Every structure is written in structure tokens, then in C-alpha cells.
Amino acid sequence: MAEFSKSGDVLVVQLTEPRLDAARAPALKAALTQNVQDKPDRIVVDAQGLDFMDSTGLGVIVSLLKMMGANGKLGIVCGEGSVRKLLKITKLDQIVRPFGTLDDAVSALGR
């Protein structure tokens, strides 16, 4: 469902499935819970390969924000497709910064 790596002080979560829906969201949430126990304050979710995300997928993103704590900064790499549109419609793009490329996201969120 996801691969985890570090780029400097930014945790990168690369989504490896094309869909983030009710069937896949619980596994991703469990993996995130396990991998963000140390409460990193900067995370980039690389969702470039994501073709579809529903409300349960959005719920996982919101859960990740809560796991990070009040000082957390979360970015999502999503290009200009359907995921960015969903973030904009739900106004989640005001809390989770959307980016066009992974390099842009890591540069913006890195220290």
C-alpha cells in the first residue's frame, strides 16, 4: 500500500496502489500509524500514482494530520488530476499543501 523513506528531515510516504478507497484505507492507516509513532513534523505523501480517492482516503489523510500533532506540516504530491480536485473541493488543500512534484514538496517542507 505504501513505501516509507526519508529525504533529509522529511518523511516521504509513497502510495503504491492506484486507488485509496474503503477497501484499502484501513491498511494504509495501519501502516501510517506504525511508521509515524515518533511524530515527524514534516511528511510528504507521494500520490502521483493515485487515480482515485474517496472519502475514506481523505479520512486517512486527516488522521495522518492528527498523528503528526499541532506543529506538523503535510504535503501531497498529486499533480493536477482528480486528487487535487478532491482536495480543493473539500478545502483540504488549505491544510495539506498540494505539489506537482516530489522535489518541490520536499524542498518546500524541508528545513
N, C-alpha and C. Protein backbone atom coordinates (compact mmCIF):
# COMPACT_ATOMS: atom_id res chain seq x y z
N MET A 1 0.81 -1.20 0.00
CA MET A 1 0.00 0.00 0.00
C MET A 1 0.85 1.26 0.00
N ALA A 2 1.98 1.24 0.77
CA ALA A 2 2.83 2.43 0.84
C ALA A 2 4.26 2.03 1.15
N GLU A 3 5.18 2.83 0.64
CA GLU A 3 6.59 2.69 0.96
C GLU A 3 7.03 3.94 1.69
N PHE A 4 7.87 3.77 2.70
CA PHE A 4 8.31 4.88 3.54
C PHE A 4 9.81 5.09 3.36
N SER A 5 10.22 6.35 3.23
CA SER A 5 11.63 6.70 3.13
C SER A 5 11.82 8.10 3.70
N LYS A 6 13.08 8.48 3.86
CA LYS A 6 13.39 9.83 4.34
C LYS A 6 14.13 10.58 3.25
N SER A 7 13.83 11.86 3.13
CA SER A 7 14.57 12.76 2.28
C SER A 7 14.95 13.94 3.17
N GLY A 8 16.17 13.90 3.69
CA GLY A 8 16.56 14.88 4.69
C GLY A 8 15.75 14.66 5.95
N ASP A 9 15.07 15.69 6.40
CA ASP A 9 14.24 15.55 7.61
C ASP A 9 12.76 15.37 7.28
N VAL A 10 12.46 15.07 6.02
CA VAL A 10 11.08 14.88 5.58
C VAL A 10 10.81 13.39 5.38
N LEU A 11 9.74 12.90 6.00
CA LEU A 11 9.30 11.53 5.78
C LEU A 11 8.48 11.51 4.50
N VAL A 12 8.85 10.62 3.57
CA VAL A 12 8.13 10.50 2.30
C VAL A 12 7.33 9.20 2.33
N VAL A 13 6.04 9.32 2.09
CA VAL A 13 5.15 8.17 2.02
C VAL A 13 4.70 8.04 0.57
N GLN A 14 5.21 7.03 -0.10
CA GLN A 14 4.84 6.83 -1.50
C GLN A 14 3.71 5.81 -1.57
N LEU A 15 2.56 6.26 -2.07
CA LEU A 15 1.43 5.35 -2.23
C LEU A 15 1.69 4.47 -3.45
N THR A 16 1.50 3.18 -3.28
CA THR A 16 1.85 2.22 -4.33
C THR A 16 0.65 1.60 -5.02
N GLU A 17 -0.54 1.96 -4.61
CA GLU A 17 -1.76 1.45 -5.23
C GLU A 17 -2.42 2.57 -6.03
N PRO A 18 -3.18 2.24 -7.07
CA PRO A 18 -3.83 3.29 -7.85
C PRO A 18 -5.12 3.83 -7.22
N ARG A 19 -5.62 3.16 -6.18
CA ARG A 19 -6.86 3.58 -5.54
C ARG A 19 -6.67 3.67 -4.04
N LEU A 20 -7.28 4.69 -3.44
CA LEU A 20 -7.34 4.81 -1.99
C LEU A 20 -8.81 4.94 -1.64
N ASP A 21 -9.40 3.79 -1.36
CA ASP A 21 -10.84 3.73 -1.13
C ASP A 21 -11.11 2.93 0.15
N ALA A 22 -12.37 2.62 0.40
CA ALA A 22 -12.77 1.94 1.63
C ALA A 22 -12.10 0.58 1.78
N ALA A 23 -11.77 -0.07 0.68
CA ALA A 23 -11.13 -1.38 0.75
C ALA A 23 -9.65 -1.27 1.14
N ARG A 24 -9.00 -0.17 0.79
CA ARG A 24 -7.55 -0.03 1.00
C ARG A 24 -7.18 0.91 2.14
N ALA A 25 -8.08 1.77 2.52
CA ALA A 25 -7.79 2.78 3.54
C ALA A 25 -7.37 2.20 4.89
N PRO A 26 -8.03 1.15 5.40
CA PRO A 26 -7.62 0.62 6.70
C PRO A 26 -6.16 0.13 6.72
N ALA A 27 -5.71 -0.51 5.66
CA ALA A 27 -4.32 -0.99 5.61
C ALA A 27 -3.34 0.18 5.59
N LEU A 28 -3.67 1.23 4.84
CA LEU A 28 -2.80 2.39 4.81
C LEU A 28 -2.77 3.08 6.16
N LYS A 29 -3.90 3.22 6.80
CA LYS A 29 -3.93 3.87 8.11
C LYS A 29 -3.10 3.09 9.12
N ALA A 30 -3.19 1.76 9.08
CA ALA A 30 -2.38 0.93 9.99
C ALA A 30 -0.89 1.11 9.71
N ALA A 31 -0.51 1.15 8.45
CA ALA A 31 0.90 1.35 8.09
C ALA A 31 1.39 2.73 8.53
N LEU A 32 0.56 3.73 8.36
CA LEU A 32 0.93 5.08 8.79
C LEU A 32 1.09 5.14 10.31
N THR A 33 0.15 4.54 11.02
CA THR A 33 0.22 4.53 12.48
C THR A 33 1.52 3.91 12.95
N GLN A 34 1.92 2.83 12.31
CA GLN A 34 3.15 2.13 12.67
C GLN A 34 4.39 2.96 12.33
N ASN A 35 4.36 3.70 11.25
CA ASN A 35 5.55 4.41 10.77
C ASN A 35 5.68 5.85 11.23
N VAL A 36 4.68 6.40 11.87
CA VAL A 36 4.79 7.79 12.34
C VAL A 36 4.67 7.88 13.86
N GLN A 37 5.04 6.82 14.55
CA GLN A 37 4.96 6.82 16.00
C GLN A 37 5.85 7.89 16.65
N ASP A 38 6.95 8.24 15.98
CA ASP A 38 7.84 9.27 16.53
C ASP A 38 7.39 10.68 16.19
N LYS A 39 6.19 10.81 15.64
CA LYS A 39 5.55 12.09 15.32
C LYS A 39 6.45 13.02 14.50
N PRO A 40 6.82 12.61 13.29
CA PRO A 40 7.59 13.52 12.44
C PRO A 40 6.77 14.77 12.16
N ASP A 41 7.46 15.91 12.08
CA ASP A 41 6.70 17.15 11.88
C ASP A 41 6.60 17.56 10.42
N ARG A 42 7.24 16.79 9.52
CA ARG A 42 7.16 17.09 8.08
C ARG A 42 7.01 15.78 7.31
N ILE A 43 5.89 15.68 6.61
CA ILE A 43 5.60 14.47 5.83
C ILE A 43 5.10 14.89 4.46
N VAL A 44 5.58 14.16 3.44
CA VAL A 44 5.08 14.33 2.08
C VAL A 44 4.47 13.00 1.66
N VAL A 45 3.22 13.04 1.24
CA VAL A 45 2.57 11.86 0.68
C VAL A 45 2.68 11.98 -0.84
N ASP A 46 3.36 11.00 -1.44
CA ASP A 46 3.51 10.99 -2.88
C ASP A 46 2.36 10.19 -3.48
N ALA A 47 1.37 10.89 -3.97
CA ALA A 47 0.16 10.27 -4.52
C ALA A 47 0.09 10.41 -6.03
N GLN A 48 1.25 10.54 -6.68
CA GLN A 48 1.27 10.73 -8.13
C GLN A 48 0.65 9.56 -8.88
N GLY A 49 0.75 8.36 -8.34
CA GLY A 49 0.19 7.18 -9.00
C GLY A 49 -1.24 6.89 -8.62
N LEU A 50 -1.83 7.77 -7.82
CA LEU A 50 -3.20 7.56 -7.34
C LEU A 50 -4.19 8.06 -8.39
N ASP A 51 -5.05 7.17 -8.84
CA ASP A 51 -6.08 7.53 -9.82
C ASP A 51 -7.40 7.89 -9.18
N PHE A 52 -7.64 7.37 -7.97
CA PHE A 52 -8.94 7.55 -7.32
C PHE A 52 -8.76 7.60 -5.82
N MET A 53 -9.46 8.54 -5.18
CA MET A 53 -9.51 8.61 -3.73
C MET A 53 -10.92 8.99 -3.33
N ASP A 54 -11.49 8.25 -2.39
CA ASP A 54 -12.83 8.58 -1.91
C ASP A 54 -12.75 9.18 -0.51
N SER A 55 -13.89 9.32 0.15
CA SER A 55 -13.93 9.98 1.45
C SER A 55 -13.15 9.21 2.52
N THR A 56 -13.05 7.88 2.40
CA THR A 56 -12.25 7.15 3.38
C THR A 56 -10.76 7.44 3.18
N GLY A 57 -10.36 7.67 1.96
CA GLY A 57 -8.99 8.08 1.69
C GLY A 57 -8.69 9.45 2.28
N LEU A 58 -9.64 10.37 2.13
CA LEU A 58 -9.50 11.69 2.76
C LEU A 58 -9.41 11.55 4.27
N GLY A 59 -10.18 10.61 4.82
CA GLY A 59 -10.15 10.36 6.26
C GLY A 59 -8.77 9.92 6.72
N VAL A 60 -8.10 9.12 5.91
CA VAL A 60 -6.74 8.69 6.24
C VAL A 60 -5.80 9.89 6.26
N ILE A 61 -5.94 10.79 5.31
CA ILE A 61 -5.10 11.99 5.26
C ILE A 61 -5.34 12.85 6.51
N VAL A 62 -6.58 13.01 6.90
CA VAL A 62 -6.91 13.79 8.10
C VAL A 62 -6.34 13.08 9.34
N SER A 63 -6.45 11.77 9.39
CA SER A 63 -5.88 11.01 10.51
C SER A 63 -4.37 11.22 10.60
N LEU A 64 -3.71 11.24 9.45
CA LEU A 64 -2.27 11.48 9.43
C LEU A 64 -1.94 12.85 10.01
N LEU A 65 -2.72 13.84 9.66
CA LEU A 65 -2.51 15.17 10.24
C LEU A 65 -2.61 15.13 11.76
N LYS A 66 -3.60 14.42 12.27
CA LYS A 66 -3.77 14.30 13.72
C LYS A 66 -2.61 13.56 14.36
N MET A 67 -2.10 12.53 13.70
CA MET A 67 -0.95 11.78 14.22
C MET A 67 0.28 12.66 14.34
N MET A 68 0.41 13.62 13.42
CA MET A 68 1.59 14.47 13.39
C MET A 68 1.61 15.48 14.53
N GLY A 69 0.49 15.89 15.00
CA GLY A 69 0.43 16.89 16.05
C GLY A 69 0.26 18.29 15.49
N ALA A 70 0.15 19.25 16.38
CA ALA A 70 -0.18 20.63 16.02
C ALA A 70 0.86 21.30 15.15
N ASN A 71 2.12 20.93 15.27
CA ASN A 71 3.18 21.59 14.51
C ASN A 71 3.50 20.90 13.19
N GLY A 72 2.75 19.86 12.84
CA GLY A 72 3.03 19.10 11.65
C GLY A 72 2.73 19.85 10.36
N LYS A 73 3.55 19.59 9.36
CA LYS A 73 3.33 20.15 8.02
C LYS A 73 3.24 18.98 7.06
N LEU A 74 2.13 18.90 6.33
CA LEU A 74 1.88 17.79 5.43
C LEU A 74 1.69 18.30 4.02
N GLY A 75 2.41 17.69 3.09
CA GLY A 75 2.26 18.00 1.68
C GLY A 75 1.82 16.75 0.94
N ILE A 76 1.17 16.93 -0.18
CA ILE A 76 0.76 15.80 -1.01
C ILE A 76 1.12 16.10 -2.46
N VAL A 77 1.83 15.16 -3.08
CA VAL A 77 2.21 15.29 -4.47
C VAL A 77 1.10 14.64 -5.29
N CYS A 78 0.40 15.46 -6.06
CA CYS A 78 -0.77 14.93 -6.76
C CYS A 78 -0.97 15.51 -8.15
N GLY A 79 -0.02 16.27 -8.64
CA GLY A 79 -0.19 16.83 -9.97
C GLY A 79 -1.44 17.70 -10.06
N GLU A 80 -2.09 17.65 -11.20
CA GLU A 80 -3.28 18.47 -11.43
C GLU A 80 -4.54 17.62 -11.62
N GLY A 81 -4.49 16.35 -11.29
CA GLY A 81 -5.59 15.43 -11.56
C GLY A 81 -6.70 15.43 -10.53
N SER A 82 -7.36 14.31 -10.46
CA SER A 82 -8.57 14.16 -9.64
C SER A 82 -8.31 14.31 -8.15
N VAL A 83 -7.14 13.89 -7.68
CA VAL A 83 -6.85 14.01 -6.25
C VAL A 83 -6.76 15.48 -5.86
N ARG A 84 -6.09 16.28 -6.67
CA ARG A 84 -6.01 17.72 -6.36
C ARG A 84 -7.39 18.36 -6.39
N LYS A 85 -8.21 17.96 -7.36
CA LYS A 85 -9.57 18.50 -7.43
C LYS A 85 -10.36 18.15 -6.18
N LEU A 86 -10.21 16.91 -5.70
CA LEU A 86 -10.90 16.49 -4.48
C LEU A 86 -10.43 17.30 -3.27
N LEU A 87 -9.12 17.52 -3.17
CA LEU A 87 -8.59 18.34 -2.08
C LEU A 87 -9.16 19.76 -2.14
N LYS A 88 -9.27 20.29 -3.34
CA LYS A 88 -9.79 21.65 -3.50
C LYS A 88 -11.28 21.72 -3.16
N ILE A 89 -12.06 20.76 -3.64
CA ILE A 89 -13.50 20.74 -3.38
C ILE A 89 -13.79 20.67 -1.89
N THR A 90 -13.00 19.86 -1.19
CA THR A 90 -13.22 19.68 0.25
C THR A 90 -12.50 20.72 1.10
N LYS A 91 -11.76 21.61 0.43
CA LYS A 91 -10.97 22.66 1.08
C LYS A 91 -9.84 22.11 1.94
N LEU A 92 -9.53 20.84 1.77
CA LEU A 92 -8.41 20.24 2.48
C LEU A 92 -7.08 20.78 1.94
N ASP A 93 -7.10 21.36 0.73
CA ASP A 93 -5.89 21.94 0.17
C ASP A 93 -5.42 23.16 0.95
N GLN A 94 -6.26 23.68 1.86
CA GLN A 94 -5.86 24.79 2.70
C GLN A 94 -5.04 24.32 3.90
N ILE A 95 -5.08 23.02 4.18
CA ILE A 95 -4.36 22.45 5.31
C ILE A 95 -3.22 21.56 4.82
N VAL A 96 -3.47 20.81 3.77
CA VAL A 96 -2.48 19.92 3.16
C VAL A 96 -2.02 20.57 1.87
N ARG A 97 -0.76 20.93 1.80
CA ARG A 97 -0.26 21.64 0.61
C ARG A 97 -0.10 20.69 -0.56
N PRO A 98 -0.79 20.95 -1.67
CA PRO A 98 -0.60 20.12 -2.86
C PRO A 98 0.61 20.60 -3.66
N PHE A 99 1.32 19.64 -4.25
CA PHE A 99 2.51 19.94 -5.05
C PHE A 99 2.44 19.16 -6.35
N GLY A 100 3.15 19.66 -7.36
CA GLY A 100 3.20 19.00 -8.65
C GLY A 100 4.27 17.92 -8.72
N THR A 101 5.37 18.10 -7.96
CA THR A 101 6.45 17.12 -7.99
C THR A 101 6.94 16.83 -6.58
N LEU A 102 7.56 15.67 -6.43
CA LEU A 102 8.13 15.28 -5.14
C LEU A 102 9.26 16.22 -4.74
N ASP A 103 10.09 16.60 -5.70
CA ASP A 103 11.19 17.53 -5.40
C ASP A 103 10.67 18.86 -4.86
N ASP A 104 9.61 19.38 -5.47
CA ASP A 104 9.03 20.64 -4.99
C ASP A 104 8.52 20.50 -3.56
N ALA A 105 7.85 19.39 -3.28
CA ALA A 105 7.28 19.18 -1.95
C ALA A 105 8.37 19.07 -0.90
N VAL A 106 9.39 18.27 -1.17
CA VAL A 106 10.48 18.08 -0.20
C VAL A 106 11.23 19.39 0.00
N SER A 107 11.45 20.13 -1.06
CA SER A 107 12.14 21.43 -0.93
C SER A 107 11.33 22.41 -0.10
N ALA A 108 10.03 22.45 -0.32
CA ALA A 108 9.17 23.41 0.39
C ALA A 108 9.02 23.04 1.87
N LEU A 109 8.95 21.76 2.17
CA LEU A 109 8.72 21.34 3.55
C LEU A 109 10.01 21.09 4.32
N GLY A 110 11.12 20.90 3.62
CA GLY A 110 12.41 20.67 4.27
C GLY A 110 12.89 21.91 4.98
N ARG A 111 13.82 21.70 5.87
CA ARG A 111 14.32 22.84 6.65
C ARG A 111 15.53 23.45 6.02
